[in-house]
Amino acid sequence: DLVEMKNGILERAASSTKEIGNLYQSLDQKAKSSLVEMTDELGYMSQRIDSEIKEKVNNFTGQNEYKVGDITRAIIKKVASGEYNFADIVLLSKILIKLGADFSPVATILPVRLLLEL
């Protein structure tokens, strides 16, 4: 009788351990699958964003491929020719602020009227 109770307890413990192991394996598999899906989606989104940014920069600068300074040169060219809009100046300002750059060198080439508009 005592042996049967002991065996019953051991069987239930083994069964519970096996169920916990199966549950853990199932959860682990689902987590890994979800992670792979999210990683794939993030990769796709990253490529799409990169492509859109490159296209907008190339359209703005009139170049086929971006080189450092193209945006600044394009804005300076637009300002010098008077073909700029407020969005162009905001873009230049954002770039300078993001880079922690000083406005002084750029301000020397911008028309006074434009600086007053800022």
PDB file of N, CA and C in Angstrom:
ATOM      1  N   ASP A   1       0.826  -1.203   0.000  1.00  0.00           N
ATOM      2  CA  ASP A   1       0.000   0.000   0.000  1.00  0.00           C
ATOM      3  C   ASP A   1       0.870   1.267   0.000  1.00  0.00           C
ATOM      4  N   LEU A   2       1.842   1.291   0.870  1.00  0.00           N
ATOM      5  CA  LEU A   2       2.768   2.421   0.940  1.00  0.00           C
ATOM      6  C   LEU A   2       3.624   2.505  -0.330  1.00  0.00           C
ATOM      7  N   VAL A   3       3.992   1.370  -0.873  1.00  0.00           N
ATOM      8  CA  VAL A   3       4.791   1.319  -2.102  1.00  0.00           C
ATOM      9  C   VAL A   3       3.967   1.849  -3.272  1.00  0.00           C
ATOM     10  N   GLU A   4       2.663   1.468  -3.298  1.00  0.00           N
ATOM     11  CA  GLU A   4       1.784   1.944  -4.364  1.00  0.00           C
ATOM     12  C   GLU A   4       1.623   3.467  -4.299  1.00  0.00           C
ATOM     13  N   MET A   5       1.477   4.003  -3.090  1.00  0.00           N
ATOM     14  CA  MET A   5       1.361   5.457  -2.920  1.00  0.00           C
ATOM     15  C   MET A   5       2.627   6.148  -3.413  1.00  0.00           C
ATOM     16  N   LYS A   6       3.781   5.587  -3.023  1.00  0.00           N
ATOM     17  CA  LYS A   6       5.075   6.155  -3.428  1.00  0.00           C
ATOM     18  C   LYS A   6       5.186   6.128  -4.946  1.00  0.00           C
ATOM     19  N   ASN A   7       4.836   5.008  -5.564  1.00  0.00           N
ATOM     20  CA  ASN A   7       4.911   4.890  -7.030  1.00  0.00           C
ATOM     21  C   ASN A   7       3.950   5.864  -7.712  1.00  0.00           C
ATOM     22  N   GLY A   8       2.753   6.024  -7.151  1.00  0.00           N
ATOM     23  CA  GLY A   8       1.771   6.958  -7.692  1.00  0.00           C
ATOM     24  C   GLY A   8       2.281   8.392  -7.653  1.00  0.00           C
ATOM     25  N   ILE A   9       2.882   8.740  -6.523  1.00  0.00           N
ATOM     26  CA  ILE A   9       3.443  10.093  -6.373  1.00  0.00           C
ATOM     27  C   ILE A   9       4.574  10.309  -7.370  1.00  0.00           C
ATOM     28  N   LEU A  10       5.440   9.316  -7.526  1.00  0.00           N
ATOM     29  CA  LEU A  10       6.569   9.421  -8.461  1.00  0.00           C
ATOM     30  C   LEU A  10       6.071   9.542  -9.904  1.00  0.00           C
ATOM     31  N   GLU A  11       5.024   8.782 -10.251  1.00  0.00           N
ATOM     32  CA  GLU A  11       4.465   8.844 -11.598  1.00  0.00           C
ATOM     33  C   GLU A  11       3.866  10.232 -11.883  1.00  0.00           C
ATOM     34  N   ARG A  12       3.131  10.758 -10.891  1.00  0.00           N
ATOM     35  CA  ARG A  12       2.536  12.096 -11.068  1.00  0.00           C
ATOM     36  C   ARG A  12       3.626  13.156 -11.180  1.00  0.00           C
ATOM     37  N   ALA A  13       4.677  13.030 -10.376  1.00  0.00           N
ATOM     38  CA  ALA A  13       5.787  13.986 -10.431  1.00  0.00           C
ATOM     39  C   ALA A  13       6.477  13.918 -11.788  1.00  0.00           C
ATOM     40  N   ALA A  14       6.688  12.703 -12.286  1.00  0.00           N
ATOM     41  CA  ALA A  14       7.338  12.531 -13.592  1.00  0.00           C
ATOM     42  C   ALA A  14       6.444  13.100 -14.696  1.00  0.00           C
ATOM     43  N   SER A  15       5.153  12.832 -14.579  1.00  0.00           N
ATOM     44  CA  SER A  15       4.197  13.331 -15.560  1.00  0.00           C
ATOM     45  C   SER A  15       4.164  14.862 -15.540  1.00  0.00           C
ATOM     46  N   SER A  16       4.121  15.455 -14.349  1.00  0.00           N
ATOM     47  CA  SER A  16       4.113  16.912 -14.210  1.00  0.00           C
ATOM     48  C   SER A  16       5.389  17.520 -14.767  1.00  0.00           C
ATOM     49  N   THR A  17       6.516  16.897 -14.482  1.00  0.00           N
ATOM     50  CA  THR A  17       7.802  17.380 -14.983  1.00  0.00           C
ATOM     51  C   THR A  17       7.818  17.338 -16.503  1.00  0.00           C
ATOM     52  N   LYS A  18       7.281  16.251 -17.064  1.00  0.00           N
ATOM     53  CA  LYS A  18       7.234  16.113 -18.523  1.00  0.00           C
ATOM     54  C   LYS A  18       6.316  17.190 -19.122  1.00  0.00           C
ATOM     55  N   GLU A  19       5.160  17.442 -18.492  1.00  0.00           N
ATOM     56  CA  GLU A  19       4.238  18.468 -18.977  1.00  0.00           C
ATOM     57  C   GLU A  19       4.883  19.847 -18.916  1.00  0.00           C
ATOM     58  N   ILE A  20       5.581  20.124 -17.834  1.00  0.00           N
ATOM     59  CA  ILE A  20       6.276  21.408 -17.699  1.00  0.00           C
ATOM     60  C   ILE A  20       7.345  21.541 -18.782  1.00  0.00           C
ATOM     61  N   GLY A  21       8.075  20.463 -19.018  1.00  0.00           N
ATOM     62  CA  GLY A  21       9.099  20.466 -20.072  1.00  0.00           C
ATOM     63  C   GLY A  21       8.497  20.717 -21.442  1.00  0.00           C
ATOM     64  N   ASN A  22       7.356  20.054 -21.728  1.00  0.00           N
ATOM     65  CA  ASN A  22       6.677  20.247 -23.013  1.00  0.00           C
ATOM     66  C   ASN A  22       6.159  21.677 -23.150  1.00  0.00           C
ATOM     67  N   LEU A  23       5.600  22.204 -22.060  1.00  0.00           N
ATOM     68  CA  LEU A  23       5.105  23.579 -22.067  1.00  0.00           C
ATOM     69  C   LEU A  23       6.254  24.553 -22.315  1.00  0.00           C
ATOM     70  N   TYR A  24       7.378  24.341 -21.624  1.00  0.00           N
ATOM     71  CA  TYR A  24       8.547  25.195 -21.793  1.00  0.00           C
ATOM     72  C   TYR A  24       9.024  25.147 -23.244  1.00  0.00           C
ATOM     73  N   GLN A  25       9.104  23.955 -23.817  1.00  0.00           N
ATOM     74  CA  GLN A  25       9.558  23.803 -25.197  1.00  0.00           C
ATOM     75  C   GLN A  25       8.626  24.523 -26.162  1.00  0.00           C
ATOM     76  N   SER A  26       7.336  24.388 -25.944  1.00  0.00           N
ATOM     77  CA  SER A  26       6.354  25.034 -26.802  1.00  0.00           C
ATOM     78  C   SER A  26       6.481  26.557 -26.715  1.00  0.00           C
ATOM     79  N   LEU A  27       6.579  27.078 -25.494  1.00  0.00           N
ATOM     80  CA  LEU A  27       6.724  28.527 -25.314  1.00  0.00           C
ATOM     81  C   LEU A  27       8.028  29.025 -25.928  1.00  0.00           C
ATOM     82  N   ASP A  28       9.084  28.278 -25.746  1.00  0.00           N
ATOM     83  CA  ASP A  28      10.387  28.652 -26.290  1.00  0.00           C
ATOM     84  C   ASP A  28      10.321  28.711 -27.817  1.00  0.00           C
ATOM     85  N   GLN A  29       9.676  27.726 -28.428  1.00  0.00           N
ATOM     86  CA  GLN A  29       9.549  27.689 -29.880  1.00  0.00           C
ATOM     87  C   GLN A  29       8.723  28.872 -30.396  1.00  0.00           C
ATOM     88  N   LYS A  30       7.621  29.168 -29.698  1.00  0.00           N
ATOM     89  CA  LYS A  30       6.779  30.299 -30.107  1.00  0.00           C
ATOM     90  C   LYS A  30       7.534  31.621 -29.972  1.00  0.00           C
ATOM     91  N   ALA A  31       8.285  31.772 -28.891  1.00  0.00           N
ATOM     92  CA  ALA A  31       9.050  33.006 -28.676  1.00  0.00           C
ATOM     93  C   ALA A  31      10.100  33.186 -29.772  1.00  0.00           C
ATOM     94  N   LYS A  32      10.795  32.110 -30.101  1.00  0.00           N
ATOM     95  CA  LYS A  32      11.823  32.188 -31.148  1.00  0.00           C
ATOM     96  C   LYS A  32      11.196  32.505 -32.496  1.00  0.00           C
ATOM     97  N   SER A  33      10.063  31.899 -32.784  1.00  0.00           N
ATOM     98  CA  SER A  33       9.370  32.148 -34.044  1.00  0.00           C
ATOM     99  C   SER A  33       8.929  33.616 -34.134  1.00  0.00           C
ATOM    100  N   SER A  34       8.383  34.136 -33.041  1.00  0.00           N
ATOM    101  CA  SER A  34       7.954  35.535 -33.016  1.00  0.00           C
ATOM    102  C   SER A  34       9.141  36.468 -33.190  1.00  0.00           C
ATOM    103  N   LEU A  35      10.249  36.129 -32.558  1.00  0.00           N
ATOM    104  CA  LEU A  35      11.458  36.952 -32.660  1.00  0.00           C
ATOM    105  C   LEU A  35      11.966  36.986 -34.094  1.00  0.00           C
ATOM    106  N   VAL A  36      11.953  35.852 -34.766  1.00  0.00           N
ATOM    107  CA  VAL A  36      12.390  35.799 -36.165  1.00  0.00           C
ATOM    108  C   VAL A  36      11.473  36.655 -37.031  1.00  0.00           C
ATOM    109  N   GLU A  37      10.165  36.554 -36.809  1.00  0.00           N
ATOM    110  CA  GLU A  37       9.214  37.356 -37.581  1.00  0.00           C
ATOM    111  C   GLU A  37       9.438  38.848 -37.353  1.00  0.00           C
ATOM    112  N   MET A  38       9.630  39.239 -36.088  1.00  0.00           N
ATOM    113  CA  MET A  38       9.854  40.660 -35.779  1.00  0.00           C
ATOM    114  C   MET A  38      11.157  41.141 -36.387  1.00  0.00           C
ATOM    115  N   THR A  39      12.195  40.321 -36.335  1.00  0.00           N
ATOM    116  CA  THR A  39      13.490  40.698 -36.906  1.00  0.00           C
ATOM    117  C   THR A  39      13.371  40.887 -38.412  1.00  0.00           C
ATOM    118  N   ASP A  40      12.663  39.979 -39.067  1.00  0.00           N
ATOM    119  CA  ASP A  40      12.451  40.114 -40.513  1.00  0.00           C
ATOM    120  C   ASP A  40      11.700  41.397 -40.840  1.00  0.00           C
ATOM    121  N   GLU A  41      10.655  41.676 -40.060  1.00  0.00           N
ATOM    122  CA  GLU A  41       9.849  42.875 -40.291  1.00  0.00           C
ATOM    123  C   GLU A  41      10.674  44.141 -40.055  1.00  0.00           C
ATOM    124  N   LEU A  42      11.479  44.142 -38.997  1.00  0.00           N
ATOM    125  CA  LEU A  42      12.323  45.309 -38.720  1.00  0.00           C
ATOM    126  C   LEU A  42      13.353  45.511 -39.826  1.00  0.00           C
ATOM    127  N   GLY A  43      13.897  44.417 -40.330  1.00  0.00           N
ATOM    128  CA  GLY A  43      14.854  44.511 -41.432  1.00  0.00           C
ATOM    129  C   GLY A  43      14.223  45.114 -42.665  1.00  0.00           C
ATOM    130  N   TYR A  44      13.009  44.668 -42.976  1.00  0.00           N
ATOM    131  CA  TYR A  44      12.285  45.203 -44.132  1.00  0.00           C
ATOM    132  C   TYR A  44      11.999  46.688 -43.937  1.00  0.00           C
ATOM    133  N   MET A  45      11.517  47.054 -42.743  1.00  0.00           N
ATOM    134  CA  MET A  45      11.203  48.454 -42.464  1.00  0.00           C
ATOM    135  C   MET A  45      12.451  49.313 -42.564  1.00  0.00           C
ATOM    136  N   SER A  46      13.556  48.826 -42.043  1.00  0.00           N
ATOM    137  CA  SER A  46      14.816  49.563 -42.079  1.00  0.00           C
ATOM    138  C   SER A  46      15.255  49.808 -43.516  1.00  0.00           C
ATOM    139  N   GLN A  47      15.158  48.785 -44.358  1.00  0.00           N
ATOM    140  CA  GLN A  47      15.537  48.936 -45.764  1.00  0.00           C
ATOM    141  C   GLN A  47      14.626  49.928 -46.474  1.00  0.00           C
ATOM    142  N   ARG A  48      13.327  49.864 -46.177  1.00  0.00           N
ATOM    143  CA  ARG A  48      12.368  50.768 -46.810  1.00  0.00           C
ATOM    144  C   ARG A  48      12.637  52.220 -46.405  1.00  0.00           C
ATOM    145  N   ILE A  49      12.878  52.438 -45.104  1.00  0.00           N
ATOM    146  CA  ILE A  49      13.162  53.792 -44.612  1.00  0.00           C
ATOM    147  C   ILE A  49      14.451  54.317 -45.225  1.00  0.00           C
ATOM    148  N   ASP A  50      15.482  53.475 -45.262  1.00  0.00           N
ATOM    149  CA  ASP A  50      16.756  53.865 -45.850  1.00  0.00           C
ATOM    150  C   ASP A  50      16.583  54.261 -47.309  1.00  0.00           C
ATOM    151  N   SER A  51      15.812  53.481 -48.036  1.00  0.00           N
ATOM    152  CA  SER A  51      15.571  53.761 -49.450  1.00  0.00           C
ATOM    153  C   SER A  51      14.821  55.079 -49.633  1.00  0.00           C
ATOM    154  N   GLU A  52      13.810  55.314 -48.797  1.00  0.00           N
ATOM    155  CA  GLU A  52      13.036  56.556 -48.897  1.00  0.00           C
ATOM    156  C   GLU A  52      13.890  57.774 -48.574  1.00  0.00           C
ATOM    157  N   ILE A  53      14.727  57.663 -47.554  1.00  0.00           N
ATOM    158  CA  ILE A  53      15.596  58.785 -47.185  1.00  0.00           C
ATOM    159  C   ILE A  53      16.570  59.086 -48.314  1.00  0.00           C
ATOM    160  N   LYS A  54      17.187  58.039 -48.861  1.00  0.00           N
ATOM    161  CA  LYS A  54      18.132  58.248 -49.971  1.00  0.00           C
ATOM    162  C   LYS A  54      17.448  58.910 -51.162  1.00  0.00           C
ATOM    163  N   GLU A  55      16.241  58.466 -51.462  1.00  0.00           N
ATOM    164  CA  GLU A  55      15.506  59.044 -52.592  1.00  0.00           C
ATOM    165  C   GLU A  55      15.211  60.529 -52.352  1.00  0.00           C
ATOM    166  N   LYS A  56      14.772  60.870 -51.137  1.00  0.00           N
ATOM    167  CA  LYS A  56      14.457  62.269 -50.830  1.00  0.00           C
ATOM    168  C   LYS A  56      15.709  63.137 -50.860  1.00  0.00           C
ATOM    169  N   VAL A  57      16.809  62.633 -50.306  1.00  0.00           N
ATOM    170  CA  VAL A  57      18.061  63.398 -50.313  1.00  0.00           C
ATOM    171  C   VAL A  57      18.532  63.604 -51.743  1.00  0.00           C
ATOM    172  N   ASN A  58      18.482  62.543 -52.553  1.00  0.00           N
ATOM    173  CA  ASN A  58      18.925  62.663 -53.945  1.00  0.00           C
ATOM    174  C   ASN A  58      18.034  63.621 -54.737  1.00  0.00           C
ATOM    175  N   ASN A  59      16.738  63.589 -54.492  1.00  0.00           N
ATOM    176  CA  ASN A  59      15.829  64.536 -55.154  1.00  0.00           C
ATOM    177  C   ASN A  59      16.141  65.968 -54.733  1.00  0.00           C
ATOM    178  N   PHE A  60      16.403  66.152 -53.442  1.00  0.00           N
ATOM    179  CA  PHE A  60      16.678  67.490 -52.924  1.00  0.00           C
ATOM    180  C   PHE A  60      17.982  68.048 -53.480  1.00  0.00           C
ATOM    181  N   THR A  61      19.020  67.200 -53.519  1.00  0.00           N
ATOM    182  CA  THR A  61      20.344  67.672 -53.953  1.00  0.00           C
ATOM    183  C   THR A  61      20.516  67.639 -55.466  1.00  0.00           C
ATOM    184  N   GLY A  62      19.653  66.877 -56.153  1.00  0.00           N
ATOM    185  CA  GLY A  62      19.804  66.745 -57.599  1.00  0.00           C
ATOM    186  C   GLY A  62      20.940  65.812 -57.979  1.00  0.00           C
ATOM    187  N   GLN A  63      21.426  65.039 -57.027  1.00  0.00           N
ATOM    188  CA  GLN A  63      22.513  64.091 -57.262  1.00  0.00           C
ATOM    189  C   GLN A  63      21.955  62.670 -57.330  1.00  0.00           C
ATOM    190  N   ASN A  64      22.731  61.772 -57.926  1.00  0.00           N
ATOM    191  CA  ASN A  64      22.328  60.361 -57.971  1.00  0.00           C
ATOM    192  C   ASN A  64      22.788  59.600 -56.738  1.00  0.00           C
ATOM    193  N   GLU A  65      23.818  60.117 -56.105  1.00  0.00           N
ATOM    194  CA  GLU A  65      24.376  59.454 -54.923  1.00  0.00           C
ATOM    195  C   GLU A  65      24.834  60.524 -53.937  1.00  0.00           C
ATOM    196  N   TYR A  66      24.537  60.315 -52.665  1.00  0.00           N
ATOM    197  CA  TYR A  66      24.874  61.307 -51.640  1.00  0.00           C
ATOM    198  C   TYR A  66      26.356  61.268 -51.289  1.00  0.00           C
ATOM    199  N   LYS A  67      26.919  62.472 -51.176  1.00  0.00           N
ATOM    200  CA  LYS A  67      28.277  62.638 -50.641  1.00  0.00           C
ATOM    201  C   LYS A  67      28.164  63.650 -49.514  1.00  0.00           C
ATOM    202  N   VAL A  68      29.019  63.511 -48.525  1.00  0.00           N
ATOM    203  CA  VAL A  68      28.994  64.417 -47.377  1.00  0.00           C
ATOM    204  C   VAL A  68      29.057  65.860 -47.863  1.00  0.00           C
ATOM    205  N   GLY A  69      28.132  66.665 -47.374  1.00  0.00           N
ATOM    206  CA  GLY A  69      28.102  68.075 -47.726  1.00  0.00           C
ATOM    207  C   GLY A  69      27.133  68.417 -48.838  1.00  0.00           C
ATOM    208  N   ASP A  70      26.573  67.398 -49.503  1.00  0.00           N
ATOM    209  CA  ASP A  70      25.654  67.657 -50.621  1.00  0.00           C
ATOM    210  C   ASP A  70      24.440  68.480 -50.194  1.00  0.00           C
ATOM    211  N   ILE A  71      23.869  68.154 -49.048  1.00  0.00           N
ATOM    212  CA  ILE A  71      22.668  68.865 -48.597  1.00  0.00           C
ATOM    213  C   ILE A  71      22.996  70.325 -48.318  1.00  0.00           C
ATOM    214  N   THR A  72      24.082  70.558 -47.610  1.00  0.00           N
ATOM    215  CA  THR A  72      24.481  71.927 -47.291  1.00  0.00           C
ATOM    216  C   THR A  72      24.773  72.710 -48.571  1.00  0.00           C
ATOM    217  N   ARG A  73      25.504  72.091 -49.503  1.00  0.00           N
ATOM    218  CA  ARG A  73      25.807  72.767 -50.775  1.00  0.00           C
ATOM    219  C   ARG A  73      24.526  73.078 -51.549  1.00  0.00           C
ATOM    220  N   ALA A  74      23.581  72.151 -51.536  1.00  0.00           N
ATOM    221  CA  ALA A  74      22.316  72.380 -52.247  1.00  0.00           C
ATOM    222  C   ALA A  74      21.547  73.546 -51.630  1.00  0.00           C
ATOM    223  N   ILE A  75      21.531  73.617 -50.304  1.00  0.00           N
ATOM    224  CA  ILE A  75      20.822  74.717 -49.635  1.00  0.00           C
ATOM    225  C   ILE A  75      21.521  76.037 -49.919  1.00  0.00           C
ATOM    226  N   ILE A  76      22.847  76.054 -49.823  1.00  0.00           N
ATOM    227  CA  ILE A  76      23.612  77.279 -50.094  1.00  0.00           C
ATOM    228  C   ILE A  76      23.368  77.742 -51.535  1.00  0.00           C
ATOM    229  N   LYS A  77      23.351  76.787 -52.465  1.00  0.00           N
ATOM    230  CA  LYS A  77      23.105  77.117 -53.873  1.00  0.00           C
ATOM    231  C   LYS A  77      21.703  77.712 -54.039  1.00  0.00           C
ATOM    232  N   LYS A  78      20.717  77.119 -53.375  1.00  0.00           N
ATOM    233  CA  LYS A  78      19.343  77.626 -53.467  1.00  0.00           C
ATOM    234  C   LYS A  78      19.240  79.026 -52.867  1.00  0.00           C
ATOM    235  N   VAL A  79      19.893  79.234 -51.728  1.00  0.00           N
ATOM    236  CA  VAL A  79      19.833  80.543 -51.078  1.00  0.00           C
ATOM    237  C   VAL A  79      20.519  81.591 -51.944  1.00  0.00           C
ATOM    238  N   ALA A  80      21.691  81.241 -52.478  1.00  0.00           N
ATOM    239  CA  ALA A  80      22.433  82.195 -53.312  1.00  0.00           C
ATOM    240  C   ALA A  80      21.636  82.586 -54.547  1.00  0.00           C
ATOM    241  N   SER A  81      20.879  81.637 -55.096  1.00  0.00           N
ATOM    242  CA  SER A  81      20.102  81.930 -56.297  1.00  0.00           C
ATOM    243  C   SER A  81      18.715  82.470 -55.960  1.00  0.00           C
ATOM    244  N   GLY A  82      18.373  82.494 -54.676  1.00  0.00           N
ATOM    245  CA  GLY A  82      17.067  82.980 -54.246  1.00  0.00           C
ATOM    246  C   GLY A  82      15.958  81.955 -54.432  1.00  0.00           C
ATOM    247  N   GLU A  83      16.323  80.725 -54.734  1.00  0.00           N
ATOM    248  CA  GLU A  83      15.335  79.670 -54.984  1.00  0.00           C
ATOM    249  C   GLU A  83      15.171  78.757 -53.766  1.00  0.00           C
ATOM    250  N   TYR A  84      15.011  79.333 -52.629  1.00  0.00           N
ATOM    251  CA  TYR A  84      14.859  78.526 -51.416  1.00  0.00           C
ATOM    252  C   TYR A  84      13.477  78.763 -50.839  1.00  0.00           C
ATOM    253  N   ASN A  85      13.100  77.845 -49.970  1.00  0.00           N
ATOM    254  CA  ASN A  85      11.859  78.054 -49.231  1.00  0.00           C
ATOM    255  C   ASN A  85      12.167  77.838 -47.749  1.00  0.00           C
ATOM    256  N   PHE A  86      11.216  78.117 -46.944  1.00  0.00           N
ATOM    257  CA  PHE A  86      11.424  78.031 -45.501  1.00  0.00           C
ATOM    258  C   PHE A  86      11.800  76.608 -45.080  1.00  0.00           C
ATOM    259  N   ALA A  87      11.238  75.605 -45.750  1.00  0.00           N
ATOM    260  CA  ALA A  87      11.549  74.199 -45.419  1.00  0.00           C
ATOM    261  C   ALA A  87      13.032  73.900 -45.649  1.00  0.00           C
ATOM    262  N   ASP A  88      13.631  74.519 -46.676  1.00  0.00           N
ATOM    263  CA  ASP A  88      15.064  74.323 -46.934  1.00  0.00           C
ATOM    264  C   ASP A  88      15.900  74.836 -45.767  1.00  0.00           C
ATOM    265  N   ILE A  89      15.527  75.994 -45.251  1.00  0.00           N
ATOM    266  CA  ILE A  89      16.279  76.599 -44.147  1.00  0.00           C
ATOM    267  C   ILE A  89      16.060  75.801 -42.861  1.00  0.00           C
ATOM    268  N   VAL A  90      14.853  75.324 -42.672  1.00  0.00           N
ATOM    269  CA  VAL A  90      14.585  74.482 -41.497  1.00  0.00           C
ATOM    270  C   VAL A  90      15.432  73.221 -41.575  1.00  0.00           C
ATOM    271  N   LEU A  91      15.525  72.629 -42.760  1.00  0.00           N
ATOM    272  CA  LEU A  91      16.346  71.428 -42.936  1.00  0.00           C
ATOM    273  C   LEU A  91      17.806  71.720 -42.603  1.00  0.00           C
ATOM    274  N   LEU A  92      18.341  72.811 -43.118  1.00  0.00           N
ATOM    275  CA  LEU A  92      19.725  73.185 -42.812  1.00  0.00           C
ATOM    276  C   LEU A  92      19.904  73.381 -41.314  1.00  0.00           C
ATOM    277  N   SER A  93      18.961  74.055 -40.693  1.00  0.00           N
ATOM    278  CA  SER A  93      19.041  74.293 -39.247  1.00  0.00           C
ATOM    279  C   SER A  93      19.030  72.987 -38.471  1.00  0.00           C
ATOM    280  N   LYS A  94      18.156  72.071 -38.866  1.00  0.00           N
ATOM    281  CA  LYS A  94      18.097  70.769 -38.191  1.00  0.00           C
ATOM    282  C   LYS A  94      19.421  70.024 -38.322  1.00  0.00           C
ATOM    283  N   ILE A  95      20.000  70.068 -39.506  1.00  0.00           N
ATOM    284  CA  ILE A  95      21.282  69.387 -39.732  1.00  0.00           C
ATOM    285  C   ILE A  95      22.356  69.988 -38.840  1.00  0.00           C
ATOM    286  N   LEU A  96      22.447  71.316 -38.824  1.00  0.00           N
ATOM    287  CA  LEU A  96      23.474  71.977 -38.014  1.00  0.00           C
ATOM    288  C   LEU A  96      23.271  71.694 -36.528  1.00  0.00           C
ATOM    289  N   ILE A  97      22.019  71.730 -36.083  1.00  0.00           N
ATOM    290  CA  ILE A  97      21.734  71.464 -34.665  1.00  0.00           C
ATOM    291  C   ILE A  97      22.082  70.022 -34.328  1.00  0.00           C
ATOM    292  N   LYS A  98      21.681  69.088 -35.192  1.00  0.00           N
ATOM    293  CA  LYS A  98      21.934  67.667 -34.961  1.00  0.00           C
ATOM    294  C   LYS A  98      23.432  67.385 -34.879  1.00  0.00           C
ATOM    295  N   LEU A  99      24.197  68.068 -35.707  1.00  0.00           N
ATOM    296  CA  LEU A  99      25.644  67.869 -35.718  1.00  0.00           C
ATOM    297  C   LEU A  99      26.351  68.671 -34.626  1.00  0.00           C
ATOM    298  N   GLY A 100      25.606  69.548 -33.971  1.00  0.00           N
ATOM    299  CA  GLY A 100      26.213  70.394 -32.950  1.00  0.00           C
ATOM    300  C   GLY A 100      27.125  71.446 -33.564  1.00  0.00           C
ATOM    301  N   ALA A 101      26.841  71.769 -34.803  1.00  0.00           N
ATOM    302  CA  ALA A 101      27.697  72.715 -35.524  1.00  0.00           C
ATOM    303  C   ALA A 101      27.297  74.149 -35.208  1.00  0.00           C
ATOM    304  N   ASP A 102      28.214  75.036 -35.441  1.00  0.00           N
ATOM    305  CA  ASP A 102      28.009  76.462 -35.224  1.00  0.00           C
ATOM    306  C   ASP A 102      27.349  77.064 -36.466  1.00  0.00           C
ATOM    307  N   PHE A 103      26.410  77.961 -36.260  1.00  0.00           N
ATOM    308  CA  PHE A 103      25.726  78.616 -37.371  1.00  0.00           C
ATOM    309  C   PHE A 103      26.588  79.707 -38.013  1.00  0.00           C
ATOM    310  N   SER A 104      27.623  80.163 -37.321  1.00  0.00           N
ATOM    311  CA  SER A 104      28.407  81.307 -37.800  1.00  0.00           C
ATOM    312  C   SER A 104      28.945  81.146 -39.212  1.00  0.00           C
ATOM    313  N   PRO A 105      29.608  80.029 -39.549  1.00  0.00           N
ATOM    314  CA  PRO A 105      30.135  79.928 -40.924  1.00  0.00           C
ATOM    315  C   PRO A 105      29.028  79.966 -41.974  1.00  0.00           C
ATOM    316  N   VAL A 106      27.901  79.337 -41.672  1.00  0.00           N
ATOM    317  CA  VAL A 106      26.794  79.324 -42.627  1.00  0.00           C
ATOM    318  C   VAL A 106      26.141  80.698 -42.689  1.00  0.00           C
ATOM    319  N   ALA A 107      26.027  81.348 -41.545  1.00  0.00           N
ATOM    320  CA  ALA A 107      25.364  82.658 -41.483  1.00  0.00           C
ATOM    321  C   ALA A 107      26.098  83.695 -42.327  1.00  0.00           C
ATOM    322  N   THR A 108      27.396  83.554 -42.482  1.00  0.00           N
ATOM    323  CA  THR A 108      28.164  84.530 -43.259  1.00  0.00           C
ATOM    324  C   THR A 108      27.815  84.500 -44.742  1.00  0.00           C
ATOM    325  N   ILE A 109      27.279  83.383 -45.234  1.00  0.00           N
ATOM    326  CA  ILE A 109      26.954  83.313 -46.663  1.00  0.00           C
ATOM    327  C   ILE A 109      25.460  83.486 -46.931  1.00  0.00           C
ATOM    328  N   LEU A 110      24.659  83.502 -45.880  1.00  0.00           N
ATOM    329  CA  LEU A 110      23.214  83.657 -46.066  1.00  0.00           C
ATOM    330  C   LEU A 110      22.847  85.136 -46.164  1.00  0.00           C
ATOM    331  N   PRO A 111      21.883  85.443 -46.992  1.00  0.00           N
ATOM    332  CA  PRO A 111      21.449  86.833 -47.103  1.00  0.00           C
ATOM    333  C   PRO A 111      20.846  87.326 -45.781  1.00  0.00           C
ATOM    334  N   VAL A 112      21.024  88.600 -45.503  1.00  0.00           N
ATOM    335  CA  VAL A 112      20.506  89.189 -44.263  1.00  0.00           C
ATOM    336  C   VAL A 112      18.993  89.012 -44.180  1.00  0.00           C
ATOM    337  N   ARG A 113      18.295  89.186 -45.289  1.00  0.00           N
ATOM    338  CA  ARG A 113      16.844  89.031 -45.311  1.00  0.00           C
ATOM    339  C   ARG A 113      16.437  87.645 -44.803  1.00  0.00           C
ATOM    340  N   LEU A 114      17.172  86.642 -45.225  1.00  0.00           N
ATOM    341  CA  LEU A 114      16.884  85.272 -44.810  1.00  0.00           C
ATOM    342  C   LEU A 114      17.125  85.107 -43.322  1.00  0.00           C
ATOM    343  N   LEU A 115      18.219  85.660 -42.822  1.00  0.00           N
ATOM    344  CA  LEU A 115      18.521  85.529 -41.390  1.00  0.00           C
ATOM    345  C   LEU A 115      17.459  86.203 -40.544  1.00  0.00           C
ATOM    346  N   LEU A 116      16.937  87.316 -41.039  1.00  0.00           N
ATOM    347  CA  LEU A 116      15.874  88.017 -40.318  1.00  0.00           C
ATOM    348  C   LEU A 116      14.577  87.207 -40.303  1.00  0.00           C
ATOM    349  N   GLU A 117      14.354  86.438 -41.368  1.00  0.00           N
ATOM    350  CA  GLU A 117      13.153  85.599 -41.448  1.00  0.00           C
ATOM    351  C   GLU A 117      13.188  84.463 -40.445  1.00  0.00           C
ATOM    352  N   LEU A 118      14.379  84.033 -40.056  1.00  0.00           N
ATOM    353  CA  LEU A 118      14.509  82.915 -39.113  1.00  0.00           C
ATOM    354  C   LEU A 118      13.988  83.366 -37.777  1.00  0.00           C
TER     355      LEU A 118
END
